[in-house]
C-alpha atoms as a PDB file:
ATOM      1  CA  MET A   1    -133.261  27.553 -18.296  1.00  0.00           C
ATOM      2  CA  THR A   2    -133.671  31.265 -17.770  1.00  0.00           C
ATOM      3  CA  GLU A   3    -134.631  34.016 -20.186  1.00  0.00           C
ATOM      4  CA  THR A   4    -130.999  35.160 -20.284  1.00  0.00           C
ATOM      5  CA  THR A   5    -130.298  32.083 -22.416  1.00  0.00           C
ATOM      6  CA  LEU A   6    -131.181  34.259 -25.398  1.00  0.00           C
ATOM      7  CA  THR A   7    -128.253  36.575 -24.823  1.00  0.00           C
ATOM      8  CA  ALA A   8    -125.937  33.708 -23.900  1.00  0.00           C
ATOM      9  CA  GLN A   9    -126.868  31.749 -27.028  1.00  0.00           C
ATOM     10  CA  ALA A  10    -127.347  34.697 -29.393  1.00  0.00           C
ATOM     11  CA  ASP A  11    -124.385  33.932 -31.674  1.00  0.00           C
ATOM     12  CA  TYR A  12    -125.537  30.335 -32.098  1.00  0.00           C
ATOM     13  CA  LEU A  13    -129.213  31.209 -32.666  1.00  0.00           C
ATOM     14  CA  ILE A  14    -128.478  33.940 -35.201  1.00  0.00           C
ATOM     15  CA  GLY A  15    -125.861  31.796 -36.930  1.00  0.00           C
ATOM     16  CA  VAL A  16    -128.459  29.105 -37.620  1.00  0.00           C
ATOM     17  CA  ALA A  17    -131.061  31.643 -38.746  1.00  0.00           C
ATOM     18  CA  ALA A  18    -128.605  33.327 -41.116  1.00  0.00           C
ATOM     19  CA  ARG A  19    -128.084  30.090 -43.094  1.00  0.00           C
ATOM     20  CA  ALA A  20    -131.525  30.675 -44.669  1.00  0.00           C
ATOM     21  CA  PRO A  21    -131.928  31.153 -48.433  1.00  0.00           C
ATOM     22  CA  SER A  22    -132.280  34.715 -49.741  1.00  0.00           C
ATOM     23  CA  LEU A  23    -132.611  36.396 -53.115  1.00  0.00           C
ATOM     24  CA  HIS A  24    -129.109  36.773 -54.638  1.00  0.00           C
ATOM     25  CA  ASN A  25    -127.835  35.689 -51.202  1.00  0.00           C
ATOM     26  CA  THR A  26    -128.365  39.274 -50.053  1.00  0.00           C
ATOM     27  CA  GLN A  27    -129.088  38.129 -46.469  1.00  0.00           C
ATOM     28  CA  PRO A  28    -131.434  41.108 -45.912  1.00  0.00           C
ATOM     29  CA  TRP A  29    -131.988  40.676 -42.179  1.00  0.00           C
ATOM     30  CA  ARG A  30    -130.864  42.181 -38.906  1.00  0.00           C
ATOM     31  CA  PHE A  31    -131.318  40.842 -35.377  1.00  0.00           C
ATOM     32  CA  GLU A  32    -131.662  42.647 -32.072  1.00  0.00           C
ATOM     33  CA  VAL A  33    -131.235  40.641 -28.883  1.00  0.00           C
ATOM     34  CA  SER A  34    -132.583  41.392 -25.428  1.00  0.00           C
ATOM     35  CA  GLU A  35    -132.970  39.360 -22.249  1.00  0.00           C
ATOM     36  CA  HIS A  36    -136.511  38.442 -23.258  1.00  0.00           C
ATOM     37  CA  ALA A  37    -136.616  38.257 -27.049  1.00  0.00           C
ATOM     38  CA  ILE A  38    -134.790  38.250 -30.358  1.00  0.00           C
ATOM     39  CA  GLU A  39    -136.235  40.680 -32.866  1.00  0.00           C
ATOM     40  CA  LEU A  40    -135.957  40.108 -36.605  1.00  0.00           C
ATOM     41  CA  HIS A  41    -135.748  43.226 -38.768  1.00  0.00           C
ATOM     42  CA  ALA A  42    -135.691  43.702 -42.523  1.00  0.00           C
ATOM     43  CA  ASP A  43    -132.496  45.410 -43.669  1.00  0.00           C
ATOM     44  CA  ALA A  44    -133.789  47.665 -46.440  1.00  0.00           C
ATOM     45  CA  SER A  45    -130.231  48.620 -47.403  1.00  0.00           C
ATOM     46  CA  ARG A  46    -130.080  45.137 -48.976  1.00  0.00           C
ATOM     47  CA  GLN A  47    -133.425  45.340 -50.736  1.00  0.00           C
ATOM     48  CA  LEU A  48    -133.163  45.015 -54.526  1.00  0.00           C
ATOM     49  CA  LEU A  49    -134.613  47.519 -56.982  1.00  0.00           C
ATOM     50  CA  VAL A  50    -136.376  44.649 -58.777  1.00  0.00           C
ATOM     51  CA  ASP A  51    -138.215  44.006 -55.479  1.00  0.00           C
ATOM     52  CA  PRO A  52    -139.847  47.417 -54.838  1.00  0.00           C
ATOM     53  CA  ASP A  53    -142.591  46.036 -52.575  1.00  0.00           C
ATOM     54  CA  GLY A  54    -140.110  44.036 -50.529  1.00  0.00           C
ATOM     55  CA  ARG A  55    -141.896  40.754 -51.295  1.00  0.00           C
ATOM     56  CA  GLU A  56    -138.734  38.733 -51.914  1.00  0.00           C
ATOM     57  CA  MET A  57    -136.932  40.480 -49.056  1.00  0.00           C
ATOM     58  CA  LEU A  58    -139.685  39.417 -46.649  1.00  0.00           C
ATOM     59  CA  ILE A  59    -139.734  35.868 -48.020  1.00  0.00           C
ATOM     60  CA  SER A  60    -136.001  35.757 -47.288  1.00  0.00           C
ATOM     61  CA  CYS A  61    -136.555  37.128 -43.778  1.00  0.00           C
ATOM     62  CA  GLY A  62    -139.337  34.586 -43.218  1.00  0.00           C
ATOM     63  CA  ALA A  63    -136.874  31.834 -44.072  1.00  0.00           C
ATOM     64  CA  ALA A  64    -134.453  33.230 -41.481  1.00  0.00           C
ATOM     65  CA  LEU A  65    -137.310  33.305 -38.970  1.00  0.00           C
ATOM     66  CA  TYR A  66    -137.908  29.586 -39.418  1.00  0.00           C
ATOM     67  CA  GLY A  67    -134.193  28.940 -38.912  1.00  0.00           C
ATOM     68  CA  LEU A  68    -134.338  30.952 -35.691  1.00  0.00           C
ATOM     69  CA  ARG A  69    -137.352  28.948 -34.527  1.00  0.00           C
ATOM     70  CA  LEU A  70    -135.548  25.683 -35.261  1.00  0.00           C
ATOM     71  CA  ALA A  71    -132.488  26.862 -33.339  1.00  0.00           C
ATOM     72  CA  VAL A  72    -134.676  27.733 -30.344  1.00  0.00           C
ATOM     73  CA  ARG A  73    -136.108  24.209 -30.470  1.00  0.00           C
ATOM     74  CA  SER A  74    -132.560  22.849 -30.118  1.00  0.00           C
ATOM     75  CA  LEU A  75    -132.414  24.609 -26.732  1.00  0.00           C
ATOM     76  CA  GLY A  76    -135.309  22.435 -25.606  1.00  0.00           C
ATOM     77  CA  ARG A  77    -137.858  25.249 -25.744  1.00  0.00           C
ATOM     78  CA  LEU A  78    -140.858  26.089 -27.891  1.00  0.00           C
ATOM     79  CA  PRO A  79    -140.510  29.423 -29.717  1.00  0.00           C
ATOM     80  CA  GLU A  80    -143.238  32.001 -29.156  1.00  0.00           C
ATOM     81  CA  VAL A  81    -143.473  34.200 -32.244  1.00  0.00           C
ATOM     82  CA  GLU A  82    -145.172  37.546 -32.847  1.00  0.00           C
ATOM     83  CA  LEU A  83    -145.394  38.410 -36.539  1.00  0.00           C
ATOM     84  CA  LEU A  84    -145.312  42.078 -37.546  1.00  0.00           C
ATOM     85  CA  PRO A  85    -145.572  43.354 -33.962  1.00  0.00           C
ATOM     86  CA  GLY A  86    -144.471  46.914 -34.722  1.00  0.00           C
ATOM     87  CA  PRO A  87    -146.054  49.858 -36.566  1.00  0.00           C
ATOM     88  CA  VAL A  88    -145.723  50.157 -40.324  1.00  0.00           C
ATOM     89  CA  VAL A  89    -143.306  53.061 -40.705  1.00  0.00           C
ATOM     90  CA  PRO A  90    -140.703  53.844 -43.381  1.00  0.00           C
ATOM     91  CA  ALA A  91    -137.353  52.796 -41.984  1.00  0.00           C
ATOM     92  CA  THR A  92    -134.152  51.079 -42.975  1.00  0.00           C
ATOM     93  CA  ARG A  93    -134.857  48.420 -40.320  1.00  0.00           C
ATOM     94  CA  ARG A  94    -138.423  47.131 -40.292  1.00  0.00           C
ATOM     95  CA  LEU A  95    -139.482  44.998 -37.298  1.00  0.00           C
ATOM     96  CA  LEU A  96    -140.910  41.782 -38.727  1.00  0.00           C
ATOM     97  CA  ALA A  97    -141.018  39.353 -35.817  1.00  0.00           C
ATOM     98  CA  ARG A  98    -140.280  38.974 -32.141  1.00  0.00           C
ATOM     99  CA  VAL A  99    -139.274  35.541 -30.840  1.00  0.00           C
ATOM    100  CA  ARG A 100    -139.345  34.555 -27.172  1.00  0.00           C
ATOM    101  CA  LEU A 101    -138.558  31.343 -25.343  1.00  0.00           C
ATOM    102  CA  GLY A 102    -141.751  29.413 -24.643  1.00  0.00           C
ATOM    103  CA  PRO A 103    -142.377  26.311 -22.546  1.00  0.00           C
ATOM    104  CA  ALA A 104    -139.835  23.526 -22.293  1.00  0.00           C
ATOM    105  CA  ALA A 105    -140.252  20.722 -24.856  1.00  0.00           C
ATOM    106  CA  PRO A 106    -137.622  18.258 -26.089  1.00  0.00           C
ATOM    107  CA  MET A 107    -136.520  18.594 -29.707  1.00  0.00           C
ATOM    108  CA  THR A 108    -137.969  15.835 -31.894  1.00  0.00           C
ATOM    109  CA  ALA A 109    -135.853  13.459 -33.962  1.00  0.00           C
ATOM    110  CA  ASP A 110    -137.216  15.061 -37.161  1.00  0.00           C
ATOM    111  CA  GLU A 111    -136.281  18.550 -35.970  1.00  0.00           C
ATOM    112  CA  ARG A 112    -132.793  17.378 -35.062  1.00  0.00           C
ATOM    113  CA  LYS A 113    -132.277  15.940 -38.554  1.00  0.00           C
ATOM    114  CA  MET A 114    -133.382  19.238 -40.059  1.00  0.00           C
ATOM    115  CA  LEU A 115    -131.009  21.165 -37.812  1.00  0.00           C
ATOM    116  CA  MET A 116    -128.142  18.918 -38.933  1.00  0.00           C
ATOM    117  CA  ALA A 117    -129.056  19.712 -42.563  1.00  0.00           C
ATOM    118  CA  VAL A 118    -128.702  23.482 -42.044  1.00  0.00           C
ATOM    119  CA  PRO A 119    -124.975  23.701 -42.964  1.00  0.00           C
ATOM    120  CA  HIS A 120    -125.319  21.894 -46.317  1.00  0.00           C
ATOM    121  CA  ARG A 121    -128.724  23.144 -47.503  1.00  0.00           C
ATOM    122  CA  HIS A 122    -128.170  25.326 -50.571  1.00  0.00           C
ATOM    123  CA  THR A 123    -129.850  26.503 -53.749  1.00  0.00           C
ATOM    124  CA  HIS A 124    -129.001  23.998 -56.472  1.00  0.00           C
ATOM    125  CA  ARG A 125    -128.294  25.084 -60.059  1.00  0.00           C
ATOM    126  CA  GLY A 126    -126.360  22.046 -61.286  1.00  0.00           C
ATOM    127  CA  PRO A 127    -127.473  18.617 -62.539  1.00  0.00           C
ATOM    128  CA  PHE A 128    -129.617  16.299 -60.446  1.00  0.00           C
ATOM    129  CA  GLU A 129    -129.189  12.552 -60.199  1.00  0.00           C
ATOM    130  CA  PRO A 130    -131.623  10.503 -62.321  1.00  0.00           C
ATOM    131  CA  GLY A 131    -134.625   8.957 -60.653  1.00  0.00           C
ATOM    132  CA  PRO A 132    -137.528  10.043 -58.448  1.00  0.00           C
ATOM    133  CA  LEU A 133    -137.497  11.703 -55.047  1.00  0.00           C
ATOM    134  CA  PRO A 134    -137.250   9.377 -52.038  1.00  0.00           C
ATOM    135  CA  GLU A 135    -140.551   7.657 -51.359  1.00  0.00           C
ATOM    136  CA  GLY A 136    -142.910   9.652 -49.162  1.00  0.00           C
ATOM    137  CA  LEU A 137    -140.765  12.800 -49.145  1.00  0.00           C
ATOM    138  CA  LEU A 138    -143.002  14.930 -51.364  1.00  0.00           C
ATOM    139  CA  ALA A 139    -146.009  14.365 -49.102  1.00  0.00           C
ATOM    140  CA  ARG A 140    -143.903  15.404 -46.099  1.00  0.00           C
ATOM    141  CA  LEU A 141    -142.812  18.580 -47.885  1.00  0.00           C
ATOM    142  CA  GLN A 142    -146.447  19.416 -48.619  1.00  0.00           C
ATOM    143  CA  ASP A 143    -147.280  18.850 -44.944  1.00  0.00           C
ATOM    144  CA  ASP A 144    -144.434  21.211 -43.988  1.00  0.00           C
ATOM    145  CA  ALA A 145    -145.802  23.934 -46.274  1.00  0.00           C
ATOM    146  CA  ARG A 146    -149.332  23.562 -44.854  1.00  0.00           C
ATOM    147  CA  ALA A 147    -148.000  23.776 -41.303  1.00  0.00           C
ATOM    148  CA  GLU A 148    -146.606  27.232 -42.146  1.00  0.00           C
ATOM    149  CA  GLY A 149    -149.748  28.559 -43.840  1.00  0.00           C
ATOM    150  CA  ALA A 150    -148.693  27.824 -47.420  1.00  0.00           C
ATOM    151  CA  THR A 151    -149.401  25.236 -50.114  1.00  0.00           C
ATOM    152  CA  LEU A 152    -146.861  23.294 -52.161  1.00  0.00           C
ATOM    153  CA  ILE A 153    -148.349  22.027 -55.420  1.00  0.00           C
ATOM    154  CA  THR A 154    -146.672  19.899 -58.059  1.00  0.00           C
ATOM    155  CA  VAL A 155    -146.929  20.672 -61.755  1.00  0.00           C
ATOM    156  CA  ASP A 156    -147.899  17.240 -63.012  1.00  0.00           C
ATOM    157  CA  SER A 157    -149.809  17.818 -66.222  1.00  0.00           C
ATOM    158  CA  GLU A 158    -147.867  18.202 -69.466  1.00  0.00           C
ATOM    159  CA  ARG A 159    -150.104  21.071 -70.572  1.00  0.00           C
ATOM    160  CA  ALA A 160    -149.588  23.073 -67.379  1.00  0.00           C
ATOM    161  CA  HIS A 161    -145.842  22.424 -67.446  1.00  0.00           C
ATOM    162  CA  LYS A 162    -145.493  23.611 -71.044  1.00  0.00           C
ATOM    163  CA  GLU A 163    -147.543  26.728 -70.326  1.00  0.00           C
ATOM    164  CA  LEU A 164    -145.506  27.456 -67.193  1.00  0.00           C
ATOM    165  CA  VAL A 165    -142.226  27.099 -69.110  1.00  0.00           C
ATOM    166  CA  ALA A 166    -143.546  29.518 -71.751  1.00  0.00           C
ATOM    167  CA  ILE A 167    -144.607  32.082 -69.120  1.00  0.00           C
ATOM    168  CA  VAL A 168    -141.306  31.899 -67.271  1.00  0.00           C
ATOM    169  CA  GLY A 169    -139.329  32.049 -70.507  1.00  0.00           C
ATOM    170  CA  ALA A 170    -141.162  35.135 -71.776  1.00  0.00           C
ATOM    171  CA  SER A 171    -140.720  36.874 -68.437  1.00  0.00           C
ATOM    172  CA  GLY A 172    -137.019  36.050 -68.395  1.00  0.00           C
ATOM    173  CA  ARG A 173    -136.488  37.455 -71.869  1.00  0.00           C
ATOM    174  CA  ARG A 174    -138.159  40.719 -70.860  1.00  0.00           C
ATOM    175  CA  GLN A 175    -136.032  41.000 -67.747  1.00  0.00           C
ATOM    176  CA  ASP A 176    -132.889  40.205 -69.718  1.00  0.00           C
ATOM    177  CA  LEU A 177    -133.459  43.503 -71.517  1.00  0.00           C
ATOM    178  CA  ASP A 178    -133.943  45.456 -68.293  1.00  0.00           C
ATOM    179  CA  LEU A 179    -130.719  47.335 -67.568  1.00  0.00           C
ATOM    180  CA  GLY A 180    -131.547  47.785 -63.887  1.00  0.00           C
ATOM    181  CA  SER A 181    -132.165  44.076 -63.379  1.00  0.00           C
ATOM    182  CA  ARG A 182    -128.924  43.196 -65.164  1.00  0.00           C
ATOM    183  CA  ALA A 183    -126.981  45.702 -63.077  1.00  0.00           C
ATOM    184  CA  GLU A 184    -128.248  44.198 -59.829  1.00  0.00           C
ATOM    185  CA  THR A 185    -127.494  40.660 -60.976  1.00  0.00           C
ATOM    186  CA  ARG A 186    -123.977  41.799 -61.900  1.00  0.00           C
ATOM    187  CA  ARG A 187    -123.564  43.504 -58.530  1.00  0.00           C
ATOM    188  CA  TRP A 188    -124.525  40.391 -56.551  1.00  0.00           C
ATOM    189  CA  SER A 189    -122.650  37.730 -58.550  1.00  0.00           C
ATOM    190  CA  ARG A 190    -119.034  36.924 -57.640  1.00  0.00           C
ATOM    191  CA  ASP A 191    -116.016  35.636 -59.502  1.00  0.00           C
ATOM    192  CA  ALA A 192    -113.939  32.704 -58.268  1.00  0.00           C
ATOM    193  CA  SER A 193    -111.408  34.929 -56.500  1.00  0.00           C
ATOM    194  CA  SER A 194    -113.989  36.874 -54.485  1.00  0.00           C
ATOM    195  CA  GLN A 195    -113.775  36.725 -50.694  1.00  0.00           C
ATOM    196  CA  ALA A 196    -117.266  38.199 -50.272  1.00  0.00           C
ATOM    197  CA  ARG A 197    -119.550  36.397 -47.851  1.00  0.00           C
ATOM    198  CA  ASP A 198    -122.719  37.478 -49.590  1.00  0.00           C
ATOM    199  CA  GLY A 199    -123.898  37.343 -53.187  1.00  0.00           C
ATOM    200  CA  VAL A 200    -123.882  34.319 -55.521  1.00  0.00           C
ATOM    201  CA  PRO A 201    -120.420  32.723 -55.842  1.00  0.00           C
ATOM    202  CA  ALA A 202    -119.007  31.490 -59.154  1.00  0.00           C
ATOM    203  CA  HIS A 203    -119.267  27.847 -58.084  1.00  0.00           C
ATOM    204  CA  ALA A 204    -123.066  28.247 -57.809  1.00  0.00           C
ATOM    205  CA  PHE A 205    -123.942  29.357 -61.357  1.00  0.00           C
ATOM    206  CA  PRO A 206    -123.008  28.291 -64.908  1.00  0.00           C
ATOM    207  CA  ALA A 207    -121.017  30.282 -67.449  1.00  0.00           C
ATOM    208  CA  GLY A 208    -123.932  31.019 -69.738  1.00  0.00           C
ATOM    209  CA  PRO A 209    -127.736  31.122 -69.744  1.00  0.00           C
ATOM    210  CA  SER A 210    -129.332  27.998 -68.241  1.00  0.00           C
ATOM    211  CA  ARG A 211    -132.078  27.417 -70.770  1.00  0.00           C
ATOM    212  CA  LYS A 212    -133.268  24.261 -72.460  1.00  0.00           C
ATOM    213  CA  ALA A 213    -136.530  23.465 -74.212  1.00  0.00           C
ATOM    214  CA  GLY A 214    -139.156  22.043 -71.880  1.00  0.00           C
ATOM    215  CA  ARG A 215    -137.476  23.128 -68.621  1.00  0.00           C
ATOM    216  CA  LEU A 216    -137.865  26.150 -66.412  1.00  0.00           C
ATOM    217  CA  PRO A 217    -135.125  28.632 -67.373  1.00  0.00           C
ATOM    218  CA  GLN A 218    -132.905  29.914 -64.588  1.00  0.00           C
ATOM    219  CA  ARG A 219    -131.641  33.423 -63.984  1.00  0.00           C
ATOM    220  CA  ASP A 220    -128.478  34.240 -65.923  1.00  0.00           C
ATOM    221  CA  PHE A 221    -125.938  35.263 -63.264  1.00  0.00           C
ATOM    222  CA  ASP A 222    -122.985  35.115 -65.637  1.00  0.00           C
ATOM    223  CA  LEU A 223    -124.192  37.753 -68.137  1.00  0.00           C
ATOM    224  CA  GLY A 224    -121.584  36.775 -70.676  1.00  0.00           C
ATOM    225  CA  ARG A 225    -118.602  37.319 -68.369  1.00  0.00           C
ATOM    226  CA  GLY A 226    -117.435  33.692 -68.218  1.00  0.00           C
ATOM    227  CA  LEU A 227    -117.361  33.685 -64.413  1.00  0.00           C
ATOM    228  CA  GLY A 228    -119.594  30.721 -63.648  1.00  0.00           C
ATOM    229  CA  LEU A 229    -118.018  27.375 -62.814  1.00  0.00           C
ATOM    230  CA  LEU A 230    -121.059  25.119 -63.249  1.00  0.00           C
ATOM    231  CA  THR A 231    -121.726  23.257 -66.491  1.00  0.00           C
ATOM    232  CA  ALA A 232    -124.230  25.222 -68.581  1.00  0.00           C
ATOM    233  CA  GLY A 233    -127.713  23.811 -69.038  1.00  0.00           C
ATOM    234  CA  VAL A 234    -130.907  23.597 -67.034  1.00  0.00           C
ATOM    235  CA  PRO A 235    -130.919  20.676 -64.590  1.00  0.00           C
ATOM    236  CA  ALA A 236    -133.633  18.117 -65.313  1.00  0.00           C
ATOM    237  CA  ALA A 237    -135.614  17.510 -62.128  1.00  0.00           C
ATOM    238  CA  PRO A 238    -138.177  14.832 -61.288  1.00  0.00           C
ATOM    239  CA  VAL A 239    -140.482  17.362 -59.608  1.00  0.00           C
ATOM    240  CA  THR A 240    -141.493  20.884 -60.587  1.00  0.00           C
ATOM    241  CA  ALA A 241    -143.466  22.614 -57.849  1.00  0.00           C
ATOM    242  CA  ALA A 242    -144.875  25.971 -56.824  1.00  0.00           C
ATOM    243  CA  LEU A 243    -145.301  27.445 -53.357  1.00  0.00           C
ATOM    244  CA  PHE A 244    -148.558  29.361 -52.883  1.00  0.00           C
ATOM    245  CA  THR A 245    -150.070  31.463 -50.106  1.00  0.00           C
ATOM    246  CA  LEU A 246    -153.732  32.390 -49.806  1.00  0.00           C
ATOM    247  CA  GLY A 247    -152.991  36.110 -49.764  1.00  0.00           C
ATOM    248  CA  ASP A 248    -150.248  38.341 -51.124  1.00  0.00           C
ATOM    249  CA  GLY A 249    -149.415  40.625 -48.219  1.00  0.00           C
ATOM    250  CA  GLU A 250    -146.532  40.934 -45.787  1.00  0.00           C
ATOM    251  CA  LYS A 251    -147.735  38.177 -43.449  1.00  0.00           C
ATOM    252  CA  ASP A 252    -148.171  35.855 -46.443  1.00  0.00           C
ATOM    253  CA  TRP A 253    -144.626  36.606 -47.608  1.00  0.00           C
ATOM    254  CA  LEU A 254    -143.226  35.850 -44.166  1.00  0.00           C
ATOM    255  CA  ASN A 255    -145.228  32.612 -44.038  1.00  0.00           C
ATOM    256  CA  ALA A 256    -143.970  31.671 -47.502  1.00  0.00           C
ATOM    257  CA  GLY A 257    -140.391  32.131 -46.311  1.00  0.00           C
ATOM    258  CA  GLN A 258    -140.938  30.013 -43.218  1.00  0.00           C
ATOM    259  CA  ALA A 259    -142.554  27.286 -45.329  1.00  0.00           C
ATOM    260  CA  LEU A 260    -139.720  27.470 -47.853  1.00  0.00           C
ATOM    261  CA  ASP A 261    -136.920  27.044 -45.316  1.00  0.00           C
ATOM    262  CA  ARG A 262    -138.787  24.287 -43.490  1.00  0.00           C
ATOM    263  CA  LEU A 263    -139.419  22.187 -46.598  1.00  0.00           C
ATOM    264  CA  LEU A 264    -135.924  22.794 -48.011  1.00  0.00           C
ATOM    265  CA  LEU A 265    -134.345  21.615 -44.763  1.00  0.00           C
ATOM    266  CA  ARG A 266    -136.606  18.555 -44.716  1.00  0.00           C
ATOM    267  CA  ALA A 267    -135.578  17.809 -48.309  1.00  0.00           C
ATOM    268  CA  ALA A 268    -131.886  18.279 -47.514  1.00  0.00           C
ATOM    269  CA  THR A 269    -132.073  15.559 -44.833  1.00  0.00           C
ATOM    270  CA  GLN A 270    -132.503  13.147 -47.765  1.00  0.00           C
ATOM    271  CA  TRP A 271    -130.036  14.887 -50.124  1.00  0.00           C
ATOM    272  CA  VAL A 272    -132.808  16.519 -52.102  1.00  0.00           C
ATOM    273  CA  PHE A 273    -132.184  20.132 -53.126  1.00  0.00           C
ATOM    274  CA  ALA A 274    -134.071  22.757 -55.065  1.00  0.00           C
ATOM    275  CA  SER A 275    -133.429  25.105 -57.934  1.00  0.00           C
ATOM    276  CA  LEU A 276    -135.403  28.200 -56.904  1.00  0.00           C
ATOM    277  CA  ASN A 277    -136.969  30.340 -59.596  1.00  0.00           C
ATOM    278  CA  THR A 278    -138.007  33.780 -58.368  1.00  0.00           C
ATOM    279  CA  GLN A 279    -137.262  36.032 -61.329  1.00  0.00           C
ATOM    280  CA  PRO A 280    -140.602  35.707 -63.187  1.00  0.00           C
ATOM    281  CA  LEU A 281    -142.620  36.191 -60.001  1.00  0.00           C
ATOM    282  CA  GLU A 282    -141.145  39.647 -59.423  1.00  0.00           C
ATOM    283  CA  ALA A 283    -143.884  41.040 -61.692  1.00  0.00           C
ATOM    284  CA  VAL A 284    -147.484  41.010 -60.434  1.00  0.00           C
ATOM    285  CA  VAL A 285    -148.805  40.342 -63.931  1.00  0.00           C
ATOM    286  CA  THR A 286    -146.623  37.236 -64.243  1.00  0.00           C
ATOM    287  CA  ARG A 287    -147.713  35.973 -60.824  1.00  0.00           C
ATOM    288  CA  THR A 288    -151.289  36.256 -62.077  1.00  0.00           C
ATOM    289  CA  LEU A 289    -150.441  34.315 -65.233  1.00  0.00           C
ATOM    290  CA  VAL A 290    -148.769  31.576 -63.174  1.00  0.00           C
ATOM    291  CA  LYS A 291    -151.759  31.423 -60.831  1.00  0.00           C
ATOM    292  CA  ASN A 292    -154.156  31.024 -63.760  1.00  0.00           C
ATOM    293  CA  CYS A 293    -151.910  28.475 -65.451  1.00  0.00           C
ATOM    294  CA  LEU A 294    -151.815  26.267 -62.364  1.00  0.00           C
ATOM    295  CA  ALA A 295    -155.497  26.874 -61.487  1.00  0.00           C
ATOM    296  CA  GLN A 296    -154.592  27.390 -57.858  1.00  0.00           C
ATOM    297  CA  PRO A 297    -156.256  29.820 -55.423  1.00  0.00           C
ATOM    298  CA  GLY A 298    -153.998  32.349 -53.786  1.00  0.00           C
ATOM    299  CA  SER A 299    -150.683  33.775 -54.933  1.00  0.00           C
ATOM    300  CA  PRO A 300    -147.552  31.975 -56.194  1.00  0.00           C
ATOM    301  CA  GLN A 301    -144.490  32.989 -54.187  1.00  0.00           C
ATOM    302  CA  MET A 302    -141.814  30.572 -55.446  1.00  0.00           C
ATOM    303  CA  LEU A 303    -141.191  28.076 -58.249  1.00  0.00           C
ATOM    304  CA  LEU A 304    -139.018  25.081 -57.424  1.00  0.00           C
ATOM    305  CA  ALA A 305    -137.342  22.212 -59.265  1.00  0.00           C
ATOM    306  CA  LEU A 306    -136.573  19.411 -56.795  1.00  0.00           C
ATOM    307  CA  GLY A 307    -134.121  16.559 -57.273  1.00  0.00           C
ATOM    308  CA  VAL A 308    -131.458  14.430 -55.633  1.00  0.00           C
ATOM    309  CA  SER A 309    -127.791  15.493 -55.539  1.00  0.00           C
ATOM    310  CA  ARG A 310    -125.105  13.822 -53.441  1.00  0.00           C
ATOM    311  CA  THR A 311    -122.648  16.690 -53.827  1.00  0.00           C
ATOM    312  CA  THR A 312    -122.917  19.900 -51.888  1.00  0.00           C
ATOM    313  CA  HIS A 313    -121.080  23.218 -51.841  1.00  0.00           C
ATOM    314  CA  ALA A 314    -122.767  25.533 -49.372  1.00  0.00           C
ATOM    315  CA  THR A 315    -122.802  29.273 -50.042  1.00  0.00           C
ATOM    316  CA  ALA A 316    -120.884  31.517 -47.648  1.00  0.00           C
ATOM    317  CA  ARG A 317    -122.677  33.662 -45.083  1.00  0.00           C
ATOM    318  CA  ARG A 318    -121.703  36.894 -43.392  1.00  0.00           C
ATOM    319  CA  ALA A 319    -120.411  36.757 -39.830  1.00  0.00           C
ATOM    320  CA  VAL A 320    -122.980  36.895 -37.046  1.00  0.00           C
ATOM    321  CA  ALA A 321    -121.616  40.301 -36.030  1.00  0.00           C
ATOM    322  CA  ASP A 322    -122.602  41.665 -39.443  1.00  0.00           C
ATOM    323  CA  HIS A 323    -126.207  40.606 -38.875  1.00  0.00           C
ATOM    324  CA  THR A 324    -126.322  42.398 -35.531  1.00  0.00           C
ATOM    325  CA  ARG A 325    -123.971  45.327 -36.077  1.00  0.00           C
ATOM    326  CA  GLY A 326    -125.534  48.668 -35.270  1.00  0.00           C
ATOM    327  CA  TYR A 327    -127.264  47.498 -32.105  1.00  0.00           C
ATOM    328  CA  GLY A 328    -124.315  47.922 -29.723  1.00  0.00           C
ATOM    329  CA  ASP A 329    -124.577  50.114 -26.634  1.00  0.00           C
ATOM    330  CA  GLN A 330    -122.013  52.639 -25.441  1.00  0.00           C
ATOM    331  CA  SER A 331    -120.069  49.981 -23.554  1.00  0.00           C
ATOM    332  CA  GLY A 332    -119.223  48.373 -26.892  1.00  0.00           C
ATOM    333  CA  GLU A 333    -121.271  45.226 -26.404  1.00  0.00           C
ATOM    334  CA  ARG A 334    -122.816  43.993 -29.637  1.00  0.00           C
ATOM    335  CA  PHE A 335    -126.198  43.101 -28.162  1.00  0.00           C
ATOM    336  CA  ARG A 336    -128.253  45.818 -26.548  1.00  0.00           C
ATOM    337  CA  VAL A 337    -129.835  44.269 -23.443  1.00  0.00           C
ATOM    338  CA  ARG A 338    -133.102  45.949 -22.524  1.00  0.00           C
END
């Protein structure tokens, strides 16, 4: 298999990568393809005002990077990844990673199952089925996080859970009063008739705030408009967890995203999905409170509620051309071959 496989398989590789989770389903990534590498860029035009440091944008891009790596594995090659290979310069497209084809190696059975889960993996905001997670799955998810330089901890003690719920609830109430945050949520939430292939569709959020005593409150995407099609109420989940990284810089955010996509795909192979809670962690002070509450070294990057659901309604994604548009040469080809 030659290096030109990257250009020949570009649509497929980017299509898999672009199924990754992202804040508000903004899909804030761009790809540039050459004969020797695929470059992943941050698309700052899709960065939210509530994310001024780009932390959540880079977590999203890290998730896309893991999807790209998994797609490369399906070609029977090991991915060779350079993180943050370019200079730090202000730009609308920030180079985050460069991925090349490495040595030949057959895809494992586990990797193939995860690849098959890509189309139906989604952020879950509805009810979970009663009962625990499948036996042994949680330990595998923790192994997945460690393999990507992150730590997945479970919130097992009643005291820590109550304190975490209080922290998240207080943060949510403050952000509910923030006009800028509400405007962005309104901008990225869709009604049932929308044909948009980004943003959060009506079938993915309830018509009303998802808050119930003793559970982590979710972001209110409806904002009183009556658009949401899910039943209101916070889904009870057998496992509440937090994803931590040792540091809180750009490499840590990319690692958190790779860990997140990897463990979510592993979970989806057994029909386990996650409600992702990012809103309270947008503030540094709240991340510190969460860290102290959970007595965990490092920085919390994501809160998750994990449970089983046998129904799935995947969120739409933009066309591959939209993730690569802007890199065409004068001949009109979408991929600039260098």
